[in-house]
Amino acid sequence: QVQLVESGGGLVQPGGSLRLSCAASGMAFSSYAMGWYRQTPGNERELVAQITTDGSTNYADSVKGRFTISRDNAKNTVYLQMNNLKPEDTAVYYCNARRWRNYRVVTYWGQGTQGTVSS
């Protein structure tokens, strides 16, 4: 069974940093595009960053230049380095795995981890 287990969330002051990790198991990790999403109360889940199987990345405009997504296929892990954090970055962050094959998409989600930016 596929599992995505997140860690690294917590409370930081504005301008601080957090490093989120998502460890995957039960799947061919290197065959999946990976992503980080976030959600706040009253809002829909939004894409923060994604990384393809060949290492290409994409970021939401609100986090460009501050966040970096990376993956280590040998460790079946995807990371999100978050620097210069702002209060509006406060959200539940979710790890996502997605794979397309034969007109179908398979998506998996982690349980979510809380990141809070406050003074």
Protein backbone atom coordinates (compact mmCIF):
# COMPACT_ATOMS: atom_id res chain seq x y z
CA GLN A 1 0.00 0.00 0.00
CA VAL A 2 1.26 3.45 -0.89
CA GLN A 3 2.16 5.73 2.00
CA LEU A 4 3.40 9.30 2.05
CA VAL A 5 4.71 10.35 5.45
CA GLU A 6 5.50 14.00 6.07
CA SER A 7 7.71 15.61 8.68
CA GLY A 8 9.38 18.92 9.43
CA GLY A 9 6.42 21.18 10.10
CA GLY A 10 6.30 23.51 13.06
CA LEU A 11 6.20 27.08 14.28
CA VAL A 12 8.63 29.74 13.09
CA GLN A 13 8.86 33.52 13.17
CA PRO A 14 8.52 35.63 10.02
CA GLY A 15 11.74 35.46 8.05
CA GLY A 16 12.56 32.02 9.39
CA SER A 17 12.88 28.69 7.61
CA LEU A 18 11.37 25.23 7.63
CA ARG A 19 12.36 22.11 5.74
CA LEU A 20 9.56 19.64 5.02
CA SER A 21 10.22 16.03 4.10
CA CYS A 22 7.91 13.44 2.56
CA ALA A 23 8.99 9.81 2.62
CA ALA A 24 7.22 7.54 0.14
CA SER A 25 6.81 3.79 0.29
CA GLY A 26 4.89 1.11 -1.58
CA MET A 27 5.35 2.65 -5.02
CA ALA A 28 7.88 3.16 -7.79
CA PHE A 29 8.91 6.57 -6.51
CA SER A 30 11.06 7.56 -9.47
CA SER A 31 8.07 7.11 -11.82
CA TYR A 32 5.96 9.76 -10.05
CA ALA A 33 5.86 13.49 -10.27
CA MET A 34 5.91 14.87 -6.73
CA GLY A 35 4.40 18.02 -5.34
CA TRP A 36 3.62 20.08 -2.29
CA TYR A 37 0.21 21.66 -1.78
CA ARG A 38 -1.17 23.77 1.02
CA GLN A 39 -4.59 24.63 2.38
CA THR A 40 -5.91 27.25 4.80
CA PRO A 41 -9.36 27.46 6.42
CA GLY A 42 -12.03 28.50 3.95
CA ASN A 43 -9.79 28.06 0.93
CA GLU A 44 -9.21 25.29 -1.57
CA ARG A 45 -5.99 23.35 -1.67
CA GLU A 46 -3.41 25.08 -3.86
CA LEU A 47 -0.23 23.94 -5.55
CA VAL A 48 2.94 25.26 -3.96
CA ALA A 49 5.66 23.43 -5.87
CA GLN A 50 6.08 20.37 -8.06
CA ILE A 51 8.95 18.38 -9.47
CA THR A 52 8.80 15.98 -12.38
CA THR A 53 10.48 12.63 -12.81
CA ASP A 54 13.35 14.28 -14.67
CA GLY A 55 13.83 17.05 -12.13
CA SER A 56 11.97 19.96 -13.73
CA THR A 57 10.33 22.24 -11.17
CA ASN A 58 7.42 24.64 -11.01
CA TYR A 59 6.38 27.04 -8.24
CA ALA A 60 3.43 29.15 -7.30
CA ASP A 61 4.16 32.83 -7.89
CA SER A 62 3.74 33.56 -4.20
CA VAL A 63 6.69 31.34 -3.22
CA LYS A 64 9.10 31.80 -6.12
CA GLY A 65 12.56 32.69 -4.91
CA ARG A 66 11.78 31.57 -1.37
CA PHE A 67 10.87 27.87 -1.62
CA THR A 68 12.82 25.05 -3.24
CA ILE A 69 11.51 21.58 -4.03
CA SER A 70 13.90 18.69 -4.51
CA ARG A 71 13.83 14.91 -4.59
CA ASP A 72 16.16 12.08 -3.71
CA ASN A 73 15.08 8.99 -5.60
CA ALA A 74 17.56 6.80 -3.73
CA LYS A 75 15.78 7.71 -0.49
CA ASN A 76 12.25 7.84 -1.96
CA THR A 77 11.90 11.30 -0.46
CA VAL A 78 10.81 14.72 -1.66
CA TYR A 79 11.71 17.91 0.20
CA LEU A 80 10.44 21.45 0.43
CA GLN A 81 12.90 24.02 1.71
CA MET A 82 10.99 27.11 2.81
CA ASN A 83 12.99 30.28 3.46
CA ASN A 84 12.03 33.84 4.33
CA LEU A 85 8.68 32.65 5.58
CA LYS A 86 5.73 35.02 5.82
CA PRO A 87 2.58 34.82 7.98
CA GLU A 88 0.54 34.13 4.85
CA ASP A 89 2.54 30.92 4.37
CA THR A 90 0.74 29.48 7.40
CA ALA A 91 -1.17 26.43 6.20
CA VAL A 92 -1.46 22.69 6.29
CA TYR A 93 1.06 21.35 3.80
CA TYR A 94 0.35 18.15 1.88
CA CYS A 95 2.67 15.88 -0.06
CA ASN A 96 1.38 14.62 -3.41
CA ALA A 97 2.44 11.91 -5.85
CA ARG A 98 1.02 11.68 -9.37
CA ARG A 99 1.52 9.36 -12.31
CA TRP A 100 -0.06 9.31 -15.78
CA ARG A 101 -0.36 6.15 -17.81
CA ASN A 102 -2.73 5.03 -20.57
CA TYR A 103 -5.15 7.97 -20.24
CA ARG A 104 -5.36 7.55 -16.47
CA VAL A 105 -3.94 9.45 -13.54
CA VAL A 106 -3.12 7.99 -10.15
CA THR A 107 -2.74 10.42 -7.25
CA TYR A 108 -1.71 9.85 -3.65
CA TRP A 109 -1.73 12.26 -0.72
CA GLY A 110 0.05 12.50 2.57
CA GLN A 111 -1.72 13.23 5.83
CA GLY A 112 -0.70 16.88 5.97
CA THR A 113 1.55 18.76 8.34
CA GLN A 114 0.99 22.17 9.92
CA GLY A 115 3.35 25.02 9.17
CA THR A 116 2.78 28.19 11.19
CA VAL A 117 4.55 31.53 10.71
CA SER A 118 3.86 33.97 13.51
CA SER A 119 5.58 36.46 15.76
